[in-house]
Amino acid sequence: MPIPEREKGEPKDKFLSDCIAELVTSGHENDQAAAICYQQMDIQLMNSKEYRRDLTMSVTKKLKQLYK
């Protein structure tokens, strides 16, 4: 069974509850389903261009402050 993906703009709480419920229904234990869904959310966040851009901008800004 494929791991559910979070839709753009979908609230974290909704994604997690839907994802966990779907995986539990397919036979996973609650804690295993939760781990899979949290990991999936993290992977999608790291693949987000906006997240990487914001992270890079924030690091660049902090480095500039350190090296004034």
Protein backbone atom coordinates (compact mmCIF):
# COMPACT_ATOMS: atom_id res chain seq x y z
CA MET A 1 0.00 0.00 0.00
CA PRO A 2 1.39 3.42 -0.91
CA ILE A 3 2.02 5.93 1.85
CA PRO A 4 -0.47 8.82 1.74
CA GLU A 5 0.87 12.22 0.70
CA ARG A 6 -0.08 15.52 2.25
CA GLU A 7 -2.02 17.76 -0.12
CA LYS A 8 -0.81 21.31 -0.61
CA GLY A 9 -2.45 23.50 2.03
CA GLU A 10 -3.77 20.53 4.03
CA PRO A 11 -3.45 21.18 7.78
CA LYS A 12 -0.87 19.00 9.55
CA ASP A 13 -3.40 17.68 12.07
CA LYS A 14 -5.83 16.59 9.36
CA PHE A 15 -3.11 14.91 7.31
CA LEU A 16 -1.74 13.04 10.32
CA SER A 17 -5.13 11.81 11.55
CA ASP A 18 -6.21 10.71 8.05
CA CYS A 19 -2.84 9.11 7.28
CA ILE A 20 -2.65 7.22 10.57
CA ALA A 21 -6.24 6.02 10.26
CA GLU A 22 -5.59 4.79 6.72
CA LEU A 23 -2.44 2.89 7.70
CA VAL A 24 -4.07 1.36 10.81
CA THR A 25 -6.97 0.21 8.65
CA SER A 26 -4.48 -1.46 6.32
CA GLY A 27 -2.93 -3.42 9.20
CA HIS A 28 -0.19 -1.27 10.76
CA GLU A 29 0.06 -0.82 14.54
CA ASN A 30 -0.83 2.69 15.81
CA ASP A 31 2.73 3.65 16.73
CA GLN A 32 4.13 2.32 13.46
CA ALA A 33 1.47 4.19 11.46
CA ALA A 34 2.23 7.41 13.35
CA ALA A 35 5.97 7.07 12.70
CA ILE A 36 5.39 6.48 8.98
CA CYS A 37 3.05 9.47 8.67
CA TYR A 38 5.32 11.86 10.60
CA GLN A 39 8.26 10.75 8.46
CA GLN A 40 6.23 11.25 5.28
CA MET A 41 5.32 14.77 6.39
CA ASP A 42 8.99 15.55 7.12
CA ILE A 43 10.10 14.21 3.73
CA GLN A 44 7.54 16.33 1.92
CA LEU A 45 8.57 19.40 3.93
CA MET A 46 12.25 18.90 3.07
CA ASN A 47 11.34 18.53 -0.62
CA SER A 48 9.40 21.80 -0.57
CA LYS A 49 11.16 24.56 -2.51
CA GLU A 50 9.60 27.20 -0.27
CA TYR A 51 10.87 25.50 2.90
CA ARG A 52 14.41 25.16 1.51
CA ARG A 53 14.38 28.78 0.32
CA ASP A 54 13.20 30.06 3.71
CA LEU A 55 15.72 27.89 5.53
CA THR A 56 18.55 29.12 3.32
CA MET A 57 17.50 32.75 3.73
CA SER A 58 17.34 32.42 7.50
CA VAL A 59 20.79 30.79 7.69
CA THR A 60 22.27 33.42 5.38
CA LYS A 61 20.78 36.20 7.52
CA LYS A 62 22.20 34.67 10.71
CA LEU A 63 25.65 34.25 9.14
CA LYS A 64 25.66 37.89 8.05
CA GLN A 65 24.84 38.93 11.62
CA LEU A 66 27.67 36.78 13.01
CA TYR A 67 30.27 38.15 10.60
CA LYS A 68 29.46 41.87 10.77
